[in-house]
Amino acid sequence: MHNFSDVVSAFADLPTVIGALLVDGDGLALASSLGDKSKSEALSPVVHALLNDAFKRLSEMGETANQIIFVQDSRIIIAQPVHDVILVVYSEKTGLDLLQSRFSNAVSILKRITEPDFSNT
């Protein structure tokens, strides 16, 4: 059985990844590899609000997106909601094919963890 730490640690051996963060539906940090816990706790509500607004605006324009990528000069932020959790990865702009592959695998794990279980209803 996987847990949130497995999702975040999926990026641990990629030297280009600065950190990964899992944010719940209320903007709370569930897991992080950003090092400083207070940094994760401060960043989580900001990331949550920003991404929710971005997805809401896309929806209002009749567009959908399953992933958003913010591009900076030498770094990127990839974010994808999975059920009520958002996976955010902060990385250098190199090795993107391996990063995207690893991101897809992490999303698959996260889907298995967060999938609603209706078998008991």
Protein backbone atom coordinates (compact mmCIF):
# COMPACT_ATOMS: atom_id res chain seq x y z
CA MET A 1 0.00 0.00 0.00
CA HIS A 2 1.34 3.41 -0.96
CA ASN A 3 1.16 6.62 1.06
CA PHE A 4 1.72 10.33 0.40
CA SER A 5 5.43 10.04 1.26
CA ASP A 6 5.83 7.59 -1.63
CA VAL A 7 4.44 10.18 -4.04
CA VAL A 8 6.83 12.89 -2.86
CA SER A 9 9.82 10.54 -2.70
CA ALA A 10 9.25 9.52 -6.34
CA PHE A 11 11.33 12.59 -7.26
CA ALA A 12 14.09 12.16 -4.66
CA ASP A 13 16.73 10.79 -7.04
CA LEU A 14 16.19 13.44 -9.73
CA PRO A 15 18.89 16.08 -9.18
CA THR A 16 16.93 18.69 -11.13
CA VAL A 17 13.92 18.52 -8.80
CA ILE A 18 14.06 21.15 -6.07
CA GLY A 19 11.05 19.82 -4.21
CA ALA A 20 7.61 18.26 -4.31
CA LEU A 21 4.52 19.18 -2.34
CA LEU A 22 1.12 17.58 -1.81
CA VAL A 23 -1.68 19.97 -0.85
CA ASP A 24 -5.14 18.87 0.27
CA GLY A 25 -8.50 20.42 -0.60
CA ASP A 26 -8.22 22.87 2.29
CA GLY A 27 -4.73 24.06 1.37
CA LEU A 28 -2.88 22.05 4.02
CA ALA A 29 0.45 20.36 3.29
CA LEU A 30 0.08 16.57 3.33
CA ALA A 31 3.67 15.76 2.39
CA SER A 32 6.67 17.70 1.17
CA SER A 33 10.29 17.34 0.17
CA LEU A 34 10.96 21.07 0.40
CA GLY A 35 13.00 20.51 3.56
CA ASP A 36 11.79 23.21 5.92
CA LYS A 37 8.34 22.25 7.28
CA SER A 38 7.41 25.88 7.93
CA LYS A 39 8.15 26.67 4.26
CA SER A 40 5.75 23.93 3.15
CA GLU A 41 3.08 25.08 5.57
CA ALA A 42 3.39 28.68 4.37
CA LEU A 43 3.45 27.75 0.68
CA SER A 44 0.55 25.25 0.70
CA PRO A 45 -2.37 27.70 1.04
CA VAL A 46 -0.86 30.02 -1.58
CA VAL A 47 -0.39 27.18 -4.07
CA HIS A 48 -3.89 25.89 -3.33
CA ALA A 49 -5.54 29.29 -3.88
CA LEU A 50 -3.52 30.01 -7.03
CA LEU A 51 -4.24 26.66 -8.65
CA ASN A 52 -7.91 26.59 -7.70
CA ASP A 53 -8.29 30.03 -9.23
CA ALA A 54 -6.45 29.00 -12.39
CA PHE A 55 -8.61 25.89 -12.89
CA LYS A 56 -11.76 27.90 -12.10
CA ARG A 57 -10.87 30.56 -14.69
CA LEU A 58 -10.13 27.92 -17.31
CA SER A 59 -13.50 26.33 -16.60
CA GLU A 60 -15.26 29.69 -16.95
CA MET A 61 -13.70 30.03 -20.41
CA GLY A 62 -14.95 26.57 -21.35
CA GLU A 63 -11.46 25.08 -21.19
CA THR A 64 -10.19 22.15 -19.18
CA ALA A 65 -6.71 21.23 -18.05
CA ASN A 66 -5.46 18.32 -16.04
CA GLN A 67 -2.04 19.88 -15.48
CA ILE A 68 -0.67 23.41 -15.25
CA ILE A 69 2.96 24.34 -15.78
CA PHE A 70 4.39 27.67 -14.70
CA VAL A 71 7.62 28.54 -16.50
CA GLN A 72 10.27 30.72 -14.90
CA ASP A 73 13.66 31.68 -16.31
CA SER A 74 15.45 28.46 -15.42
CA ARG A 75 12.81 26.57 -13.45
CA ILE A 76 9.29 25.20 -13.80
CA ILE A 77 6.43 24.40 -11.47
CA ILE A 78 4.20 21.52 -12.53
CA ALA A 79 0.88 21.14 -10.74
CA GLN A 80 -1.88 18.59 -11.17
CA PRO A 81 -4.98 17.98 -9.08
CA VAL A 82 -5.85 14.37 -8.33
CA HIS A 83 -9.28 14.09 -6.72
CA ASP A 84 -9.01 16.51 -3.77
CA VAL A 85 -5.18 16.62 -3.60
CA ILE A 86 -2.79 18.71 -5.71
CA LEU A 87 0.68 17.46 -6.61
CA VAL A 88 3.18 20.28 -7.13
CA VAL A 89 6.77 19.77 -8.31
CA TYR A 90 9.38 22.52 -8.51
CA SER A 91 12.27 21.72 -10.86
CA GLU A 92 15.04 23.00 -13.06
CA LYS A 93 14.17 23.13 -16.77
CA THR A 94 16.42 20.21 -17.69
CA GLY A 95 15.68 16.51 -17.98
CA LEU A 96 12.02 17.27 -18.60
CA ASP A 97 11.25 13.98 -20.35
CA LEU A 98 12.36 12.00 -17.29
CA LEU A 99 10.62 14.46 -14.99
CA GLN A 100 7.31 14.15 -16.88
CA SER A 101 7.57 10.36 -16.84
CA ARG A 102 8.21 10.38 -13.10
CA PHE A 103 5.39 12.89 -12.62
CA SER A 104 2.98 10.59 -14.46
CA ASN A 105 4.00 7.66 -12.26
CA ALA A 106 3.55 9.78 -9.12
CA VAL A 107 0.08 10.82 -10.31
CA SER A 108 -0.82 7.14 -10.82
CA ILE A 109 0.22 6.36 -7.25
CA LEU A 110 -1.69 9.38 -5.98
CA LYS A 111 -4.81 8.29 -7.86
CA ARG A 112 -4.68 4.89 -6.15
CA ILE A 113 -4.30 6.55 -2.75
CA THR A 114 -7.03 9.16 -3.16
CA GLU A 115 -9.54 7.18 -5.24
CA PRO A 116 -12.92 7.33 -3.51
CA ASP A 117 -13.98 3.91 -2.29
CA PHE A 118 -17.69 3.40 -2.80
CA SER A 119 -17.64 -0.34 -2.18
CA ASN A 120 -18.94 0.14 1.38
CA THR A 121 -21.87 2.39 0.49
